[in-house]
Amino acid sequence: MKILVVDDSELSLMFATRVLEQYGHDVVALRTGEAAVDLLKKGDWPQVIFLDWMMPGMDGLDVCRAIRASPGGARVYIVIITARALEADRREAIGAGANLHIAKPARAEDMENAVLAAAKMYKELGITIGSDSVASNEPASSAAEVVNTSIDDFDRSG
């Protein structure tokens, strides 16, 4: 599965990348929310996105909201991984559009279980894993145009 991991901690990025690659996934690792948004604007949609909540600049919840505001963004499985582990934090992450909240330190099993849950969701939606654009049934270039507009609107709003 194609997975995007976004975390400002180099150690967390290395751990997540190593774990997910060991399970056979194609992983892209980025250090900022802004870099994630830029990647998505190009139409390069992963099937699963792991977002750190607390990052400088655009945090994980901001990225999550931007994705969900994009047409087709509801089809991307988003996991918030964070040190914020209270029940209220979990509710806030889910309220921002995350499918799942995992408290740090994340275990390898937690990450792979999240990917398995994403695969189940895609199967139930009838979406074939491995297509260029999971966020939409449109070609990736069309999805990129929609995301650019939605994310640019989000950037201007807050």
N, C-alpha and C. Protein backbone atom coordinates (compact mmCIF):
# COMPACT_ATOMS: atom_id res chain seq x y z
N MET A 1 0.84 -1.17 0.00
CA MET A 1 0.00 0.00 0.00
C MET A 1 0.89 1.24 0.00
N LYS A 2 0.42 2.30 -0.61
CA LYS A 2 1.16 3.56 -0.63
C LYS A 2 0.79 4.37 0.61
N ILE A 3 1.80 4.72 1.39
CA ILE A 3 1.58 5.37 2.68
C ILE A 3 2.42 6.64 2.79
N LEU A 4 1.80 7.69 3.31
CA LEU A 4 2.50 8.94 3.62
C LEU A 4 2.60 9.06 5.13
N VAL A 5 3.81 9.34 5.62
CA VAL A 5 4.03 9.58 7.04
C VAL A 5 4.56 11.00 7.19
N VAL A 6 3.92 11.78 8.06
CA VAL A 6 4.32 13.17 8.26
C VAL A 6 4.56 13.38 9.75
N ASP A 7 5.80 13.73 10.10
CA ASP A 7 6.18 13.95 11.50
C ASP A 7 7.41 14.83 11.51
N ASP A 8 7.45 15.79 12.42
CA ASP A 8 8.62 16.68 12.50
C ASP A 8 9.79 16.02 13.23
N SER A 9 9.58 14.88 13.83
CA SER A 9 10.64 14.15 14.53
C SER A 9 11.32 13.16 13.58
N GLU A 10 12.61 13.35 13.37
CA GLU A 10 13.36 12.45 12.49
C GLU A 10 13.31 11.01 13.02
N LEU A 11 13.41 10.84 14.32
CA LEU A 11 13.36 9.51 14.92
C LEU A 11 12.02 8.82 14.65
N SER A 12 10.93 9.56 14.83
CA SER A 12 9.60 8.99 14.57
C SER A 12 9.43 8.64 13.10
N LEU A 13 9.94 9.49 12.21
CA LEU A 13 9.87 9.20 10.78
C LEU A 13 10.65 7.94 10.42
N MET A 14 11.84 7.82 10.99
CA MET A 14 12.66 6.64 10.70
C MET A 14 11.97 5.37 11.20
N PHE A 15 11.42 5.42 12.40
CA PHE A 15 10.73 4.26 12.97
C PHE A 15 9.54 3.86 12.09
N ALA A 16 8.68 4.82 11.80
CA ALA A 16 7.48 4.53 11.02
C ALA A 16 7.84 4.00 9.63
N THR A 17 8.80 4.64 8.99
CA THR A 17 9.21 4.20 7.66
C THR A 17 9.74 2.78 7.69
N ARG A 18 10.61 2.50 8.63
CA ARG A 18 11.19 1.16 8.74
C ARG A 18 10.12 0.11 9.00
N VAL A 19 9.23 0.39 9.93
CA VAL A 19 8.17 -0.57 10.27
C VAL A 19 7.28 -0.84 9.07
N LEU A 20 6.80 0.22 8.45
CA LEU A 20 5.86 0.06 7.34
C LEU A 20 6.51 -0.58 6.13
N GLU A 21 7.77 -0.25 5.87
CA GLU A 21 8.48 -0.90 4.76
C GLU A 21 8.71 -2.38 5.03
N GLN A 22 8.96 -2.74 6.30
CA GLN A 22 9.12 -4.15 6.64
C GLN A 22 7.85 -4.94 6.38
N TYR A 23 6.69 -4.27 6.46
CA TYR A 23 5.42 -4.92 6.15
C TYR A 23 5.13 -4.89 4.65
N GLY A 24 6.07 -4.34 3.87
CA GLY A 24 5.94 -4.36 2.42
C GLY A 24 5.26 -3.16 1.80
N HIS A 25 5.12 -2.08 2.54
CA HIS A 25 4.43 -0.89 2.02
C HIS A 25 5.42 0.09 1.38
N ASP A 26 4.91 0.88 0.46
CA ASP A 26 5.67 1.95 -0.19
C ASP A 26 5.45 3.21 0.63
N VAL A 27 6.51 3.73 1.25
CA VAL A 27 6.38 4.83 2.21
C VAL A 27 7.08 6.09 1.73
N VAL A 28 6.37 7.21 1.86
CA VAL A 28 6.95 8.53 1.65
C VAL A 28 6.93 9.21 3.01
N ALA A 29 8.07 9.76 3.43
CA ALA A 29 8.18 10.40 4.74
C ALA A 29 8.47 11.89 4.54
N LEU A 30 7.69 12.73 5.22
CA LEU A 30 7.86 14.18 5.15
C LEU A 30 7.90 14.76 6.55
N ARG A 31 8.56 15.92 6.68
CA ARG A 31 8.76 16.53 8.00
C ARG A 31 7.76 17.63 8.36
N THR A 32 6.97 18.11 7.39
CA THR A 32 6.05 19.22 7.70
C THR A 32 4.68 18.99 7.09
N GLY A 33 3.69 19.60 7.71
CA GLY A 33 2.35 19.56 7.16
C GLY A 33 2.28 20.26 5.81
N GLU A 34 3.04 21.34 5.68
CA GLU A 34 3.06 22.08 4.42
C GLU A 34 3.59 21.21 3.28
N ALA A 35 4.62 20.42 3.56
CA ALA A 35 5.18 19.53 2.54
C ALA A 35 4.14 18.47 2.13
N ALA A 36 3.36 18.00 3.10
CA ALA A 36 2.32 17.02 2.79
C ALA A 36 1.26 17.64 1.88
N VAL A 37 0.84 18.85 2.20
CA VAL A 37 -0.16 19.53 1.39
C VAL A 37 0.37 19.76 -0.03
N ASP A 38 1.64 20.16 -0.13
CA ASP A 38 2.24 20.37 -1.45
C ASP A 38 2.24 19.08 -2.27
N LEU A 39 2.56 17.97 -1.62
CA LEU A 39 2.56 16.67 -2.31
C LEU A 39 1.15 16.33 -2.80
N LEU A 40 0.16 16.53 -1.94
CA LEU A 40 -1.21 16.20 -2.31
C LEU A 40 -1.73 17.12 -3.41
N LYS A 41 -1.27 18.36 -3.43
CA LYS A 41 -1.66 19.28 -4.50
C LYS A 41 -1.22 18.77 -5.87
N LYS A 42 -0.18 17.97 -5.90
CA LYS A 42 0.32 17.40 -7.14
C LYS A 42 -0.49 16.18 -7.57
N GLY A 43 -1.45 15.79 -6.73
CA GLY A 43 -2.28 14.63 -7.04
C GLY A 43 -1.65 13.31 -6.66
N ASP A 44 -0.62 13.36 -5.84
CA ASP A 44 0.08 12.14 -5.43
C ASP A 44 -0.56 11.62 -4.14
N TRP A 45 -1.72 10.98 -4.29
CA TRP A 45 -2.51 10.53 -3.14
C TRP A 45 -2.09 9.14 -2.66
N PRO A 46 -1.76 9.03 -1.38
CA PRO A 46 -1.51 7.70 -0.80
C PRO A 46 -2.84 7.08 -0.39
N GLN A 47 -2.80 5.81 -0.02
CA GLN A 47 -4.00 5.16 0.51
C GLN A 47 -4.16 5.43 2.01
N VAL A 48 -3.02 5.60 2.70
CA VAL A 48 -3.04 5.84 4.15
C VAL A 48 -2.09 6.99 4.45
N ILE A 49 -2.51 7.86 5.36
CA ILE A 49 -1.66 8.96 5.81
C ILE A 49 -1.56 8.89 7.33
N PHE A 50 -0.33 8.81 7.83
CA PHE A 50 -0.06 8.90 9.26
C PHE A 50 0.42 10.33 9.53
N LEU A 51 -0.28 11.06 10.39
CA LEU A 51 0.06 12.45 10.68
C LEU A 51 0.38 12.63 12.16
N ASP A 52 1.51 13.25 12.43
CA ASP A 52 1.77 13.70 13.79
C ASP A 52 0.86 14.89 14.04
N TRP A 53 0.31 14.99 15.22
CA TRP A 53 -0.59 16.09 15.53
C TRP A 53 0.20 17.37 15.74
N MET A 54 1.19 17.33 16.61
CA MET A 54 1.88 18.55 17.03
C MET A 54 3.15 18.76 16.21
N MET A 55 3.01 19.62 15.20
CA MET A 55 4.14 20.00 14.36
C MET A 55 4.13 21.52 14.24
N PRO A 56 5.30 22.13 14.07
CA PRO A 56 5.31 23.57 13.84
C PRO A 56 4.62 23.91 12.52
N GLY A 57 4.05 25.09 12.44
CA GLY A 57 3.36 25.47 11.21
C GLY A 57 2.03 24.74 11.12
N MET A 58 1.78 24.12 10.00
CA MET A 58 0.54 23.39 9.77
C MET A 58 0.60 22.06 10.52
N ASP A 59 -0.23 21.91 11.55
CA ASP A 59 -0.17 20.68 12.34
C ASP A 59 -1.00 19.57 11.68
N GLY A 60 -0.95 18.40 12.28
CA GLY A 60 -1.63 17.25 11.71
C GLY A 60 -3.13 17.42 11.55
N LEU A 61 -3.77 18.10 12.50
CA LEU A 61 -5.21 18.31 12.38
C LEU A 61 -5.52 19.28 11.25
N ASP A 62 -4.66 20.29 11.05
CA ASP A 62 -4.85 21.21 9.93
C ASP A 62 -4.76 20.46 8.59
N VAL A 63 -3.77 19.58 8.48
CA VAL A 63 -3.60 18.78 7.26
C VAL A 63 -4.82 17.89 7.07
N CYS A 64 -5.27 17.27 8.13
CA CYS A 64 -6.43 16.38 8.09
C CYS A 64 -7.66 17.15 7.60
N ARG A 65 -7.90 18.32 8.16
CA ARG A 65 -9.05 19.13 7.74
C ARG A 65 -8.95 19.54 6.27
N ALA A 66 -7.75 19.89 5.83
CA ALA A 66 -7.55 20.27 4.43
C ALA A 66 -7.87 19.11 3.50
N ILE A 67 -7.46 17.92 3.88
CA ILE A 67 -7.74 16.73 3.07
C ILE A 67 -9.24 16.48 3.02
N ARG A 68 -9.88 16.51 4.17
CA ARG A 68 -11.32 16.23 4.24
C ARG A 68 -12.14 17.30 3.52
N ALA A 69 -11.64 18.52 3.44
CA ALA A 69 -12.35 19.58 2.72
C ALA A 69 -12.25 19.42 1.21
N SER A 70 -11.35 18.57 0.76
CA SER A 70 -11.16 18.35 -0.67
C SER A 70 -12.15 17.30 -1.17
N PRO A 71 -12.78 17.54 -2.31
CA PRO A 71 -13.64 16.50 -2.87
C PRO A 71 -12.83 15.21 -3.06
N GLY A 72 -13.37 14.12 -2.60
CA GLY A 72 -12.65 12.85 -2.67
C GLY A 72 -11.77 12.60 -1.46
N GLY A 73 -11.54 13.63 -0.65
CA GLY A 73 -10.66 13.49 0.51
C GLY A 73 -11.20 12.56 1.57
N ALA A 74 -12.48 12.27 1.51
CA ALA A 74 -13.08 11.35 2.49
C ALA A 74 -12.60 9.92 2.28
N ARG A 75 -12.04 9.63 1.11
CA ARG A 75 -11.63 8.26 0.80
C ARG A 75 -10.22 7.93 1.26
N VAL A 76 -9.50 8.90 1.78
CA VAL A 76 -8.14 8.65 2.25
C VAL A 76 -8.21 8.29 3.74
N TYR A 77 -7.54 7.22 4.12
CA TYR A 77 -7.55 6.77 5.51
C TYR A 77 -6.47 7.54 6.27
N ILE A 78 -6.89 8.30 7.27
CA ILE A 78 -5.97 9.17 8.01
C ILE A 78 -5.85 8.70 9.45
N VAL A 79 -4.59 8.58 9.89
CA VAL A 79 -4.28 8.18 11.26
C VAL A 79 -3.49 9.30 11.91
N ILE A 80 -3.97 9.79 13.05
CA ILE A 80 -3.23 10.77 13.84
C ILE A 80 -2.42 9.99 14.87
N ILE A 81 -1.10 10.22 14.87
CA ILE A 81 -0.22 9.61 15.87
C ILE A 81 0.32 10.76 16.72
N THR A 82 0.09 10.67 18.02
CA THR A 82 0.40 11.82 18.87
C THR A 82 0.68 11.45 20.32
N ALA A 83 1.39 12.33 20.99
CA ALA A 83 1.59 12.18 22.43
C ALA A 83 0.34 12.61 23.20
N ARG A 84 -0.58 13.26 22.51
CA ARG A 84 -1.83 13.68 23.14
C ARG A 84 -2.75 12.45 23.22
N ALA A 85 -2.80 11.86 24.41
CA ALA A 85 -3.41 10.54 24.54
C ALA A 85 -4.71 10.52 25.36
N LEU A 86 -5.24 11.67 25.71
CA LEU A 86 -6.47 11.69 26.49
C LEU A 86 -7.67 11.38 25.59
N GLU A 87 -8.76 10.96 26.19
CA GLU A 87 -9.98 10.68 25.43
C GLU A 87 -10.46 11.92 24.68
N ALA A 88 -10.36 13.08 25.30
CA ALA A 88 -10.76 14.33 24.64
C ALA A 88 -9.89 14.58 23.40
N ASP A 89 -8.61 14.22 23.48
CA ASP A 89 -7.72 14.38 22.33
C ASP A 89 -8.14 13.44 21.20
N ARG A 90 -8.49 12.22 21.54
CA ARG A 90 -8.94 11.26 20.54
C ARG A 90 -10.19 11.79 19.84
N ARG A 91 -11.12 12.30 20.63
CA ARG A 91 -12.35 12.84 20.04
C ARG A 91 -12.06 14.04 19.14
N GLU A 92 -11.13 14.87 19.55
CA GLU A 92 -10.77 16.03 18.73
C GLU A 92 -10.16 15.59 17.39
N ALA A 93 -9.28 14.59 17.44
CA ALA A 93 -8.66 14.08 16.20
C ALA A 93 -9.72 13.48 15.27
N ILE A 94 -10.62 12.70 15.82
CA ILE A 94 -11.69 12.09 15.01
C ILE A 94 -12.61 13.19 14.49
N GLY A 95 -12.88 14.19 15.31
CA GLY A 95 -13.71 15.31 14.88
C GLY A 95 -13.09 16.11 13.75
N ALA A 96 -11.77 16.13 13.68
CA ALA A 96 -11.07 16.83 12.60
C ALA A 96 -11.06 16.02 11.31
N GLY A 97 -11.50 14.76 11.40
CA GLY A 97 -11.58 13.93 10.20
C GLY A 97 -10.69 12.71 10.19
N ALA A 98 -9.94 12.48 11.25
CA ALA A 98 -9.09 11.28 11.30
C ALA A 98 -9.95 10.03 11.42
N ASN A 99 -9.49 8.96 10.80
CA ASN A 99 -10.16 7.67 10.95
C ASN A 99 -9.75 6.99 12.25
N LEU A 100 -8.52 7.30 12.70
CA LEU A 100 -7.97 6.60 13.85
C LEU A 100 -7.00 7.52 14.59
N HIS A 101 -6.91 7.33 15.90
CA HIS A 101 -5.98 8.07 16.77
C HIS A 101 -5.11 7.04 17.47
N ILE A 102 -3.80 7.16 17.34
CA ILE A 102 -2.86 6.27 18.02
C ILE A 102 -1.97 7.11 18.92
N ALA A 103 -1.87 6.71 20.19
CA ALA A 103 -1.02 7.43 21.14
C ALA A 103 0.43 7.01 20.97
N LYS A 104 1.33 7.99 21.05
CA LYS A 104 2.77 7.69 21.03
C LYS A 104 3.18 7.19 22.40
N PRO A 105 4.14 6.35 22.49
CA PRO A 105 4.89 5.79 21.38
C PRO A 105 4.07 4.72 20.66
N ALA A 106 3.99 4.86 19.34
CA ALA A 106 3.25 3.89 18.54
C ALA A 106 4.04 2.59 18.45
N ARG A 107 3.32 1.49 18.47
CA ARG A 107 3.96 0.18 18.29
C ARG A 107 3.82 -0.24 16.84
N ALA A 108 4.71 -1.08 16.39
CA ALA A 108 4.65 -1.58 15.02
C ALA A 108 3.29 -2.23 14.74
N GLU A 109 2.77 -2.97 15.70
CA GLU A 109 1.49 -3.65 15.52
C GLU A 109 0.36 -2.65 15.35
N ASP A 110 0.41 -1.53 16.08
CA ASP A 110 -0.62 -0.50 15.96
C ASP A 110 -0.63 0.07 14.55
N MET A 111 0.56 0.29 14.01
CA MET A 111 0.65 0.87 12.67
C MET A 111 0.14 -0.11 11.61
N GLU A 112 0.53 -1.35 11.71
CA GLU A 112 0.07 -2.33 10.72
C GLU A 112 -1.43 -2.58 10.86
N ASN A 113 -1.94 -2.58 12.09
CA ASN A 113 -3.39 -2.74 12.28
C ASN A 113 -4.15 -1.58 11.64
N ALA A 114 -3.59 -0.38 11.70
CA ALA A 114 -4.21 0.77 11.05
C ALA A 114 -4.26 0.57 9.53
N VAL A 115 -3.18 0.04 8.97
CA VAL A 115 -3.14 -0.22 7.53
C VAL A 115 -4.15 -1.31 7.16
N LEU A 116 -4.26 -2.33 7.99
CA LEU A 116 -5.24 -3.39 7.73
C LEU A 116 -6.67 -2.84 7.80
N ALA A 117 -6.92 -1.92 8.74
CA ALA A 117 -8.24 -1.28 8.82
C ALA A 117 -8.52 -0.45 7.57
N ALA A 118 -7.49 0.22 7.05
CA ALA A 118 -7.65 0.99 5.81
C ALA A 118 -7.98 0.06 4.65
N ALA A 119 -7.27 -1.05 4.57
CA ALA A 119 -7.53 -2.01 3.49
C ALA A 119 -8.96 -2.53 3.56
N LYS A 120 -9.44 -2.78 4.76
CA LYS A 120 -10.82 -3.24 4.94
C LYS A 120 -11.80 -2.17 4.47
N MET A 121 -11.53 -0.91 4.83
CA MET A 121 -12.39 0.19 4.40
C MET A 121 -12.45 0.27 2.88
N TYR A 122 -11.28 0.19 2.23
CA TYR A 122 -11.25 0.27 0.77
C TYR A 122 -12.00 -0.89 0.13
N LYS A 123 -11.86 -2.06 0.70
CA LYS A 123 -12.57 -3.22 0.16
C LYS A 123 -14.08 -3.01 0.27
N GLU A 124 -14.53 -2.52 1.43
CA GLU A 124 -15.96 -2.28 1.63
C GLU A 124 -16.49 -1.21 0.69
N LEU A 125 -15.66 -0.23 0.34
CA LEU A 125 -16.06 0.83 -0.59
C LEU A 125 -15.91 0.41 -2.05
N GLY A 126 -15.33 -0.75 -2.28
CA GLY A 126 -15.13 -1.23 -3.63
C GLY A 126 -14.01 -0.51 -4.36
N ILE A 127 -13.05 0.02 -3.62
CA ILE A 127 -11.93 0.75 -4.21
C ILE A 127 -10.74 -0.21 -4.32
N THR A 128 -10.18 -0.27 -5.50
CA THR A 128 -9.03 -1.13 -5.75
C THR A 128 -7.76 -0.44 -5.28
N ILE A 129 -7.01 -1.08 -4.42
CA ILE A 129 -5.74 -0.54 -3.94
C ILE A 129 -4.72 -0.61 -5.07
N GLY A 130 -3.95 0.46 -5.19
CA GLY A 130 -2.90 0.47 -6.21
C GLY A 130 -3.22 1.40 -7.35
N SER A 131 -4.43 2.00 -7.35
CA SER A 131 -4.74 2.97 -8.39
C SER A 131 -3.96 4.25 -8.14
N ASP A 132 -3.79 5.06 -9.17
CA ASP A 132 -3.01 6.29 -9.04
C ASP A 132 -3.67 7.28 -8.09
N SER A 133 -4.98 7.29 -8.04
CA SER A 133 -5.69 8.28 -7.25
C SER A 133 -6.75 7.62 -6.39
N VAL A 134 -6.42 7.38 -5.15
CA VAL A 134 -7.37 6.76 -4.23
C VAL A 134 -8.42 7.76 -3.79
N ALA A 135 -8.05 9.03 -3.75
CA ALA A 135 -8.97 10.04 -3.24
C ALA A 135 -10.14 10.28 -4.18
N SER A 136 -10.05 9.80 -5.38
CA SER A 136 -11.10 10.07 -6.35
C SER A 136 -11.07 9.00 -7.43
N ASN A 137 -12.17 8.80 -8.09
CA ASN A 137 -12.19 7.90 -9.23
C ASN A 137 -11.74 8.61 -10.50
N GLU A 138 -11.42 9.90 -10.38
CA GLU A 138 -10.96 10.67 -11.51
C GLU A 138 -9.47 10.39 -11.74
N PRO A 139 -8.96 10.73 -12.94
CA PRO A 139 -7.52 10.63 -13.15
C PRO A 139 -6.78 11.53 -12.16
N ALA A 140 -5.55 11.19 -11.84
CA ALA A 140 -4.78 11.93 -10.84
C ALA A 140 -4.70 13.41 -11.17
N SER A 141 -4.58 13.80 -12.45
CA SER A 141 -4.46 15.21 -12.79
C SER A 141 -5.72 15.98 -12.40
N SER A 142 -6.91 15.39 -12.58
CA SER A 142 -8.15 16.05 -12.19
C SER A 142 -8.25 16.16 -10.68
N ALA A 143 -7.86 15.10 -9.98
CA ALA A 143 -7.88 15.14 -8.52
C ALA A 143 -6.94 16.22 -8.01
N ALA A 144 -5.79 16.39 -8.66
CA ALA A 144 -4.83 17.41 -8.25
C ALA A 144 -5.45 18.79 -8.36
N GLU A 145 -6.18 19.07 -9.43
CA GLU A 145 -6.81 20.37 -9.60
C GLU A 145 -7.80 20.65 -8.48
N VAL A 146 -8.61 19.66 -8.12
CA VAL A 146 -9.60 19.81 -7.07
C VAL A 146 -8.92 20.05 -5.73
N VAL A 147 -7.88 19.28 -5.44
CA VAL A 147 -7.17 19.44 -4.18
C VAL A 147 -6.50 20.79 -4.11
N ASN A 148 -5.86 21.23 -5.19
CA ASN A 148 -5.22 22.54 -5.20
C ASN A 148 -6.21 23.62 -4.81
N THR A 149 -7.38 23.60 -5.41
CA THR A 149 -8.40 24.61 -5.12
C THR A 149 -8.84 24.53 -3.67
N SER A 150 -9.17 23.32 -3.19
CA SER A 150 -9.66 23.17 -1.83
C SER A 150 -8.61 23.52 -0.79
N ILE A 151 -7.37 23.08 -1.01
CA ILE A 151 -6.33 23.37 -0.03
C ILE A 151 -5.96 24.85 -0.06
N ASP A 152 -5.94 25.46 -1.24
CA ASP A 152 -5.68 26.89 -1.32
C ASP A 152 -6.76 27.66 -0.58
N ASP A 153 -8.03 27.25 -0.73
CA ASP A 153 -9.12 27.89 -0.01
C ASP A 153 -8.93 27.73 1.50
N PHE A 154 -8.51 26.54 1.93
CA PHE A 154 -8.27 26.29 3.34
C PHE A 154 -7.15 27.18 3.85
N ASP A 155 -6.06 27.30 3.08
CA ASP A 155 -4.93 28.15 3.46
C ASP A 155 -5.37 29.59 3.68
N ARG A 156 -6.24 30.10 2.81
CA ARG A 156 -6.70 31.49 2.92
C ARG A 156 -7.63 31.69 4.08
N SER A 157 -8.33 30.63 4.51
CA SER A 157 -9.33 30.77 5.56
C SER A 157 -8.73 30.76 6.96
N GLY A 158 -7.51 30.36 7.09
CA GLY A 158 -7.05 30.30 8.47
C GLY A 158 -5.61 30.35 8.55
